Amino acid sequence: MEYFDVIDDNGLKTGKTVDRETAHRCGIRHLTAHVWVVRYISGKPQILLQKRCMTKDSFPGCLDTSSAGHIPAGDNPRHSAVRELKEELGIEADEEDLEYIGSFENRYSMEFHGKPFSDNELSRVYMLHKDIQTDHLKLQKEEVESVEWQDYETVYQACCSHDPRYCVPLRGLKVIGKRLGFE
């Protein structure tokens, strides 16, 4: 079973832990790490998106952040981000390769697969500059169906118009957009 550190309103660990199912059933605040893989084509930034597999407990089949994951109890965000990149996409990176660019809160309650799902996360956001050929990636089939590069502006417009193909958290997208000079 996967356990997370419970955090307070300031993002500080409370000393308590909670299992994943309870955290999402009850909306208990916890940490995640998000990594945006970025490249430039003809001077325009592109971001790598992953398409979530259909068995995911939230937003199955939707395009999402390059790599993201919960931070296990006792772990630190940057270490978790590096691990998630390797597990989900097969991308090797060192902690120093990731540029911390900010954080955002993600709170919502929805239903997926006929079950309630309540998210209450503080996400640490990192950027990795790497021009990767998507066919060279080793995708974690339980998590990621496919990946694709898209222009930042295309993704931003789709998310602002609530395109159901995307589940990229708009607050997280704005963090990377600010770093790329769009905000």
C-alpha atoms as a PDB file:
ATOM      1  CA  MET A   1       0.000   0.000   0.000  1.00  0.00           C
ATOM      2  CA  GLU A   2       1.234   3.480  -0.865  1.00  0.00           C
ATOM      3  CA  TYR A   3       1.430   6.102   1.931  1.00  0.00           C
ATOM      4  CA  PHE A   4       1.777   9.898   1.699  1.00  0.00           C
ATOM      5  CA  ASP A   5       2.792  12.551   4.203  1.00  0.00           C
ATOM      6  CA  VAL A   6      -0.195  14.656   5.261  1.00  0.00           C
ATOM      7  CA  ILE A   7       0.600  18.362   4.880  1.00  0.00           C
ATOM      8  CA  ASP A   8      -0.914  21.499   6.388  1.00  0.00           C
ATOM      9  CA  ASP A   9      -2.137  24.635   4.591  1.00  0.00           C
ATOM     10  CA  ASN A  10       1.468  25.893   4.378  1.00  0.00           C
ATOM     11  CA  GLY A  11       2.687  22.720   2.680  1.00  0.00           C
ATOM     12  CA  LEU A  12       4.512  21.499   5.785  1.00  0.00           C
ATOM     13  CA  LYS A  13       4.426  17.870   6.866  1.00  0.00           C
ATOM     14  CA  THR A  14       2.198  17.299   9.896  1.00  0.00           C
ATOM     15  CA  GLY A  15       3.926  14.105  11.044  1.00  0.00           C
ATOM     16  CA  LYS A  16       0.920  12.026   9.977  1.00  0.00           C
ATOM     17  CA  THR A  17       0.641   9.738   6.960  1.00  0.00           C
ATOM     18  CA  VAL A  18      -2.324   8.537   4.938  1.00  0.00           C
ATOM     19  CA  ASP A  19      -2.783   5.735   2.430  1.00  0.00           C
ATOM     20  CA  ARG A  20      -3.518   6.675  -1.201  1.00  0.00           C
ATOM     21  CA  GLU A  21      -7.107   5.414  -1.221  1.00  0.00           C
ATOM     22  CA  THR A  22      -8.067   7.338   1.933  1.00  0.00           C
ATOM     23  CA  ALA A  23      -6.291  10.484   0.711  1.00  0.00           C
ATOM     24  CA  HIS A  24      -8.379  10.515  -2.465  1.00  0.00           C
ATOM     25  CA  ARG A  25     -11.617   9.333  -0.907  1.00  0.00           C
ATOM     26  CA  CYS A  26     -11.476  11.966   1.863  1.00  0.00           C
ATOM     27  CA  GLY A  27      -9.561  14.786   0.107  1.00  0.00           C
ATOM     28  CA  ILE A  28      -6.633  14.765   2.545  1.00  0.00           C
ATOM     29  CA  ARG A  29      -3.897  17.241   1.585  1.00  0.00           C
ATOM     30  CA  HIS A  30      -0.638  15.697   0.307  1.00  0.00           C
ATOM     31  CA  LEU A  31       2.296  16.383  -2.051  1.00  0.00           C
ATOM     32  CA  THR A  32       2.962  15.570  -5.688  1.00  0.00           C
ATOM     33  CA  ALA A  33       5.840  16.301  -8.059  1.00  0.00           C
ATOM     34  CA  HIS A  34       5.285  17.385 -11.676  1.00  0.00           C
ATOM     35  CA  VAL A  35       7.960  17.501 -14.371  1.00  0.00           C
ATOM     36  CA  TRP A  36       7.578  19.301 -17.680  1.00  0.00           C
ATOM     37  CA  VAL A  37       9.942  18.077 -20.384  1.00  0.00           C
ATOM     38  CA  VAL A  38      10.570  21.005 -22.743  1.00  0.00           C
ATOM     39  CA  ARG A  39      12.237  21.423 -26.121  1.00  0.00           C
ATOM     40  CA  TYR A  40      12.367  24.228 -28.688  1.00  0.00           C
ATOM     41  CA  ILE A  41      11.481  23.807 -32.356  1.00  0.00           C
ATOM     42  CA  SER A  42      12.067  26.869 -34.559  1.00  0.00           C
ATOM     43  CA  GLY A  43      12.300  28.971 -31.398  1.00  0.00           C
ATOM     44  CA  LYS A  44       8.893  27.845 -30.068  1.00  0.00           C
ATOM     45  CA  PRO A  45       8.623  25.842 -26.858  1.00  0.00           C
ATOM     46  CA  GLN A  46       7.050  22.438 -27.018  1.00  0.00           C
ATOM     47  CA  ILE A  47       6.069  20.348 -24.030  1.00  0.00           C
ATOM     48  CA  LEU A  48       5.938  16.593 -23.839  1.00  0.00           C
ATOM     49  CA  LEU A  49       2.507  15.273 -22.872  1.00  0.00           C
ATOM     50  CA  GLN A  50       1.634  11.794 -21.731  1.00  0.00           C
ATOM     51  CA  LYS A  51      -1.651  10.108 -22.512  1.00  0.00           C
ATOM     52  CA  ARG A  52      -2.815   8.368 -19.353  1.00  0.00           C
ATOM     53  CA  CYS A  53      -3.732   4.706 -19.679  1.00  0.00           C
ATOM     54  CA  MET A  54      -7.399   3.785 -19.499  1.00  0.00           C
ATOM     55  CA  THR A  55      -7.065   2.026 -16.124  1.00  0.00           C
ATOM     56  CA  LYS A  56      -5.858   5.120 -14.229  1.00  0.00           C
ATOM     57  CA  ASP A  57      -8.000   5.999 -11.206  1.00  0.00           C
ATOM     58  CA  SER A  58      -8.458   9.568 -12.464  1.00  0.00           C
ATOM     59  CA  PHE A  59      -8.691  11.059 -15.974  1.00  0.00           C
ATOM     60  CA  PRO A  60      -8.150   7.815 -17.910  1.00  0.00           C
ATOM     61  CA  GLY A  61      -7.163   8.350 -21.551  1.00  0.00           C
ATOM     62  CA  CYS A  62      -6.466  12.085 -21.157  1.00  0.00           C
ATOM     63  CA  LEU A  63      -3.359  14.068 -22.113  1.00  0.00           C
ATOM     64  CA  ASP A  64      -1.461  15.194 -19.023  1.00  0.00           C
ATOM     65  CA  THR A  65       1.790  16.639 -17.654  1.00  0.00           C
ATOM     66  CA  SER A  66       4.995  15.051 -19.005  1.00  0.00           C
ATOM     67  CA  SER A  67       5.489  13.147 -15.756  1.00  0.00           C
ATOM     68  CA  ALA A  68       3.798  13.471 -12.392  1.00  0.00           C
ATOM     69  CA  GLY A  69       3.363  11.438  -9.290  1.00  0.00           C
ATOM     70  CA  HIS A  70       2.631  11.342  -5.615  1.00  0.00           C
ATOM     71  CA  ILE A  71       5.502  11.823  -3.205  1.00  0.00           C
ATOM     72  CA  PRO A  72       5.747   8.801  -0.918  1.00  0.00           C
ATOM     73  CA  ALA A  73       5.886   9.405   2.836  1.00  0.00           C
ATOM     74  CA  GLY A  74       9.407  10.405   3.868  1.00  0.00           C
ATOM     75  CA  ASP A  75      10.588  11.204   0.329  1.00  0.00           C
ATOM     76  CA  ASN A  76      11.500  14.622  -1.083  1.00  0.00           C
ATOM     77  CA  PRO A  77       9.879  16.179  -4.172  1.00  0.00           C
ATOM     78  CA  ARG A  78      12.948  16.384  -6.436  1.00  0.00           C
ATOM     79  CA  HIS A  79      13.921  12.762  -5.749  1.00  0.00           C
ATOM     80  CA  SER A  80      10.335  11.664  -6.462  1.00  0.00           C
ATOM     81  CA  ALA A  81      10.309  13.674  -9.700  1.00  0.00           C
ATOM     82  CA  VAL A  82      13.472  11.940 -10.948  1.00  0.00           C
ATOM     83  CA  ARG A  83      12.041   8.531 -10.013  1.00  0.00           C
ATOM     84  CA  GLU A  84       8.719   9.229 -11.791  1.00  0.00           C
ATOM     85  CA  LEU A  85      10.527  10.310 -14.981  1.00  0.00           C
ATOM     86  CA  LYS A  86      12.419   7.014 -15.007  1.00  0.00           C
ATOM     87  CA  GLU A  87       9.408   4.850 -14.102  1.00  0.00           C
ATOM     88  CA  GLU A  88       6.815   6.454 -16.398  1.00  0.00           C
ATOM     89  CA  LEU A  89       8.916   7.464 -19.410  1.00  0.00           C
ATOM     90  CA  GLY A  90      12.287   5.763 -19.056  1.00  0.00           C
ATOM     91  CA  ILE A  91      14.046   9.157 -18.925  1.00  0.00           C
ATOM     92  CA  GLU A  92      17.303   9.132 -16.974  1.00  0.00           C
ATOM     93  CA  ALA A  93      17.942  12.397 -15.132  1.00  0.00           C
ATOM     94  CA  ASP A  94      19.854  13.587 -12.097  1.00  0.00           C
ATOM     95  CA  GLU A  95      18.218  15.768  -9.470  1.00  0.00           C
ATOM     96  CA  GLU A  96      20.452  18.663 -10.627  1.00  0.00           C
ATOM     97  CA  ASP A  97      18.988  18.357 -14.157  1.00  0.00           C
ATOM     98  CA  LEU A  98      15.575  19.444 -12.873  1.00  0.00           C
ATOM     99  CA  GLU A  99      14.924  23.150 -12.490  1.00  0.00           C
ATOM    100  CA  TYR A 100      12.425  23.932  -9.720  1.00  0.00           C
ATOM    101  CA  ILE A 101      10.022  26.506 -11.174  1.00  0.00           C
ATOM    102  CA  GLY A 102       7.219  26.781  -8.610  1.00  0.00           C
ATOM    103  CA  SER A 103       4.243  25.054  -7.085  1.00  0.00           C
ATOM    104  CA  PHE A 104       0.472  25.049  -7.354  1.00  0.00           C
ATOM    105  CA  GLU A 105      -2.557  23.714  -5.519  1.00  0.00           C
ATOM    106  CA  ASN A 106      -4.855  21.207  -7.146  1.00  0.00           C
ATOM    107  CA  ARG A 107      -8.259  20.629  -5.547  1.00  0.00           C
ATOM    108  CA  TYR A 108     -11.284  18.975  -7.094  1.00  0.00           C
ATOM    109  CA  SER A 109     -13.885  16.293  -6.515  1.00  0.00           C
ATOM    110  CA  MET A 110     -15.157  14.130  -9.359  1.00  0.00           C
ATOM    111  CA  GLU A 111     -16.213  10.592 -10.103  1.00  0.00           C
ATOM    112  CA  PHE A 112     -14.128   8.088 -12.078  1.00  0.00           C
ATOM    113  CA  HIS A 113     -14.978   4.444 -12.793  1.00  0.00           C
ATOM    114  CA  GLY A 114     -18.145   4.915 -10.712  1.00  0.00           C
ATOM    115  CA  LYS A 115     -16.241   5.961  -7.565  1.00  0.00           C
ATOM    116  CA  PRO A 116     -15.830   9.370  -5.918  1.00  0.00           C
ATOM    117  CA  PHE A 117     -12.351  10.875  -6.214  1.00  0.00           C
ATOM    118  CA  SER A 118     -11.297  13.941  -4.218  1.00  0.00           C
ATOM    119  CA  ASP A 119      -7.918  15.533  -4.849  1.00  0.00           C
ATOM    120  CA  ASN A 120      -6.235  17.969  -2.466  1.00  0.00           C
ATOM    121  CA  GLU A 121      -2.611  18.287  -3.526  1.00  0.00           C
ATOM    122  CA  LEU A 122       0.243  20.728  -3.391  1.00  0.00           C
ATOM    123  CA  SER A 123       2.370  20.086  -6.471  1.00  0.00           C
ATOM    124  CA  ARG A 124       6.050  20.957  -6.796  1.00  0.00           C
ATOM    125  CA  VAL A 125       6.838  21.758 -10.442  1.00  0.00           C
ATOM    126  CA  TYR A 126      10.115  21.094 -12.247  1.00  0.00           C
ATOM    127  CA  MET A 127      11.331  21.621 -15.800  1.00  0.00           C
ATOM    128  CA  LEU A 128      13.724  19.416 -17.751  1.00  0.00           C
ATOM    129  CA  HIS A 129      15.172  20.686 -21.045  1.00  0.00           C
ATOM    130  CA  LYS A 130      15.559  17.612 -23.232  1.00  0.00           C
ATOM    131  CA  ASP A 131      14.804  17.048 -26.907  1.00  0.00           C
ATOM    132  CA  ILE A 132      13.701  13.427 -26.804  1.00  0.00           C
ATOM    133  CA  GLN A 133      12.519  11.261 -29.653  1.00  0.00           C
ATOM    134  CA  THR A 134       9.237   9.792 -28.405  1.00  0.00           C
ATOM    135  CA  ASP A 135       9.920   6.421 -30.008  1.00  0.00           C
ATOM    136  CA  HIS A 136      13.047   6.106 -27.820  1.00  0.00           C
ATOM    137  CA  LEU A 137      11.081   6.304 -24.583  1.00  0.00           C
ATOM    138  CA  LYS A 138      10.248   3.267 -22.497  1.00  0.00           C
ATOM    139  CA  LEU A 139       6.678   3.882 -21.326  1.00  0.00           C
ATOM    140  CA  GLN A 140       5.261   2.330 -18.167  1.00  0.00           C
ATOM    141  CA  LYS A 141       2.213   0.614 -19.687  1.00  0.00           C
ATOM    142  CA  GLU A 142       0.243   0.644 -16.390  1.00  0.00           C
ATOM    143  CA  GLU A 143       0.506   4.447 -16.353  1.00  0.00           C
ATOM    144  CA  VAL A 144       1.167   5.816 -19.842  1.00  0.00           C
ATOM    145  CA  GLU A 145      -0.505   4.827 -23.108  1.00  0.00           C
ATOM    146  CA  SER A 146       1.528   7.154 -25.353  1.00  0.00           C
ATOM    147  CA  VAL A 147       3.380  10.476 -25.472  1.00  0.00           C
ATOM    148  CA  GLU A 148       3.451  13.409 -27.876  1.00  0.00           C
ATOM    149  CA  TRP A 149       5.062  16.807 -28.251  1.00  0.00           C
ATOM    150  CA  GLN A 150       2.752  19.832 -28.531  1.00  0.00           C
ATOM    151  CA  ASP A 151       3.345  23.570 -28.692  1.00  0.00           C
ATOM    152  CA  TYR A 152       2.811  25.180 -25.303  1.00  0.00           C
ATOM    153  CA  GLU A 153       0.290  27.628 -26.769  1.00  0.00           C
ATOM    154  CA  THR A 154      -1.799  24.794 -28.266  1.00  0.00           C
ATOM    155  CA  VAL A 155      -1.995  23.022 -24.908  1.00  0.00           C
ATOM    156  CA  TYR A 156      -2.806  26.267 -23.095  1.00  0.00           C
ATOM    157  CA  GLN A 157      -5.681  27.088 -25.458  1.00  0.00           C
ATOM    158  CA  ALA A 158      -7.072  23.550 -25.199  1.00  0.00           C
ATOM    159  CA  CYS A 159      -6.987  23.644 -21.401  1.00  0.00           C
ATOM    160  CA  CYS A 160      -8.560  27.117 -21.231  1.00  0.00           C
ATOM    161  CA  SER A 161     -11.403  25.923 -23.469  1.00  0.00           C
ATOM    162  CA  HIS A 162     -11.874  22.795 -21.275  1.00  0.00           C
ATOM    163  CA  ASP A 163     -11.070  20.397 -24.117  1.00  0.00           C
ATOM    164  CA  PRO A 164     -11.991  17.000 -22.591  1.00  0.00           C
ATOM    165  CA  ARG A 165      -8.975  15.325 -24.201  1.00  0.00           C
ATOM    166  CA  TYR A 166      -6.714  17.179 -21.738  1.00  0.00           C
ATOM    167  CA  CYS A 167      -6.460  16.858 -17.966  1.00  0.00           C
ATOM    168  CA  VAL A 168      -3.389  19.058 -17.568  1.00  0.00           C
ATOM    169  CA  PRO A 169      -3.961  21.142 -14.428  1.00  0.00           C
ATOM    170  CA  LEU A 170      -4.269  24.716 -15.720  1.00  0.00           C
ATOM    171  CA  ARG A 171      -2.533  26.080 -12.610  1.00  0.00           C
ATOM    172  CA  GLY A 172       0.416  23.778 -13.298  1.00  0.00           C
ATOM    173  CA  LEU A 173       0.459  24.756 -16.961  1.00  0.00           C
ATOM    174  CA  LYS A 174       0.598  28.416 -15.947  1.00  0.00           C
ATOM    175  CA  VAL A 175       3.674  27.699 -13.793  1.00  0.00           C
ATOM    176  CA  ILE A 176       5.571  26.350 -16.812  1.00  0.00           C
ATOM    177  CA  GLY A 177       4.112  29.097 -19.020  1.00  0.00           C
ATOM    178  CA  LYS A 178       5.447  31.777 -16.718  1.00  0.00           C
ATOM    179  CA  ARG A 179       8.915  30.203 -16.833  1.00  0.00           C
ATOM    180  CA  LEU A 180       8.703  30.033 -20.654  1.00  0.00           C
ATOM    181  CA  GLY A 181       7.759  33.720 -20.832  1.00  0.00           C
ATOM    182  CA  PHE A 182       4.022  33.427 -21.563  1.00  0.00           C
ATOM    183  CA  GLU A 183       2.618  34.812 -18.305  1.00  0.00           C
END
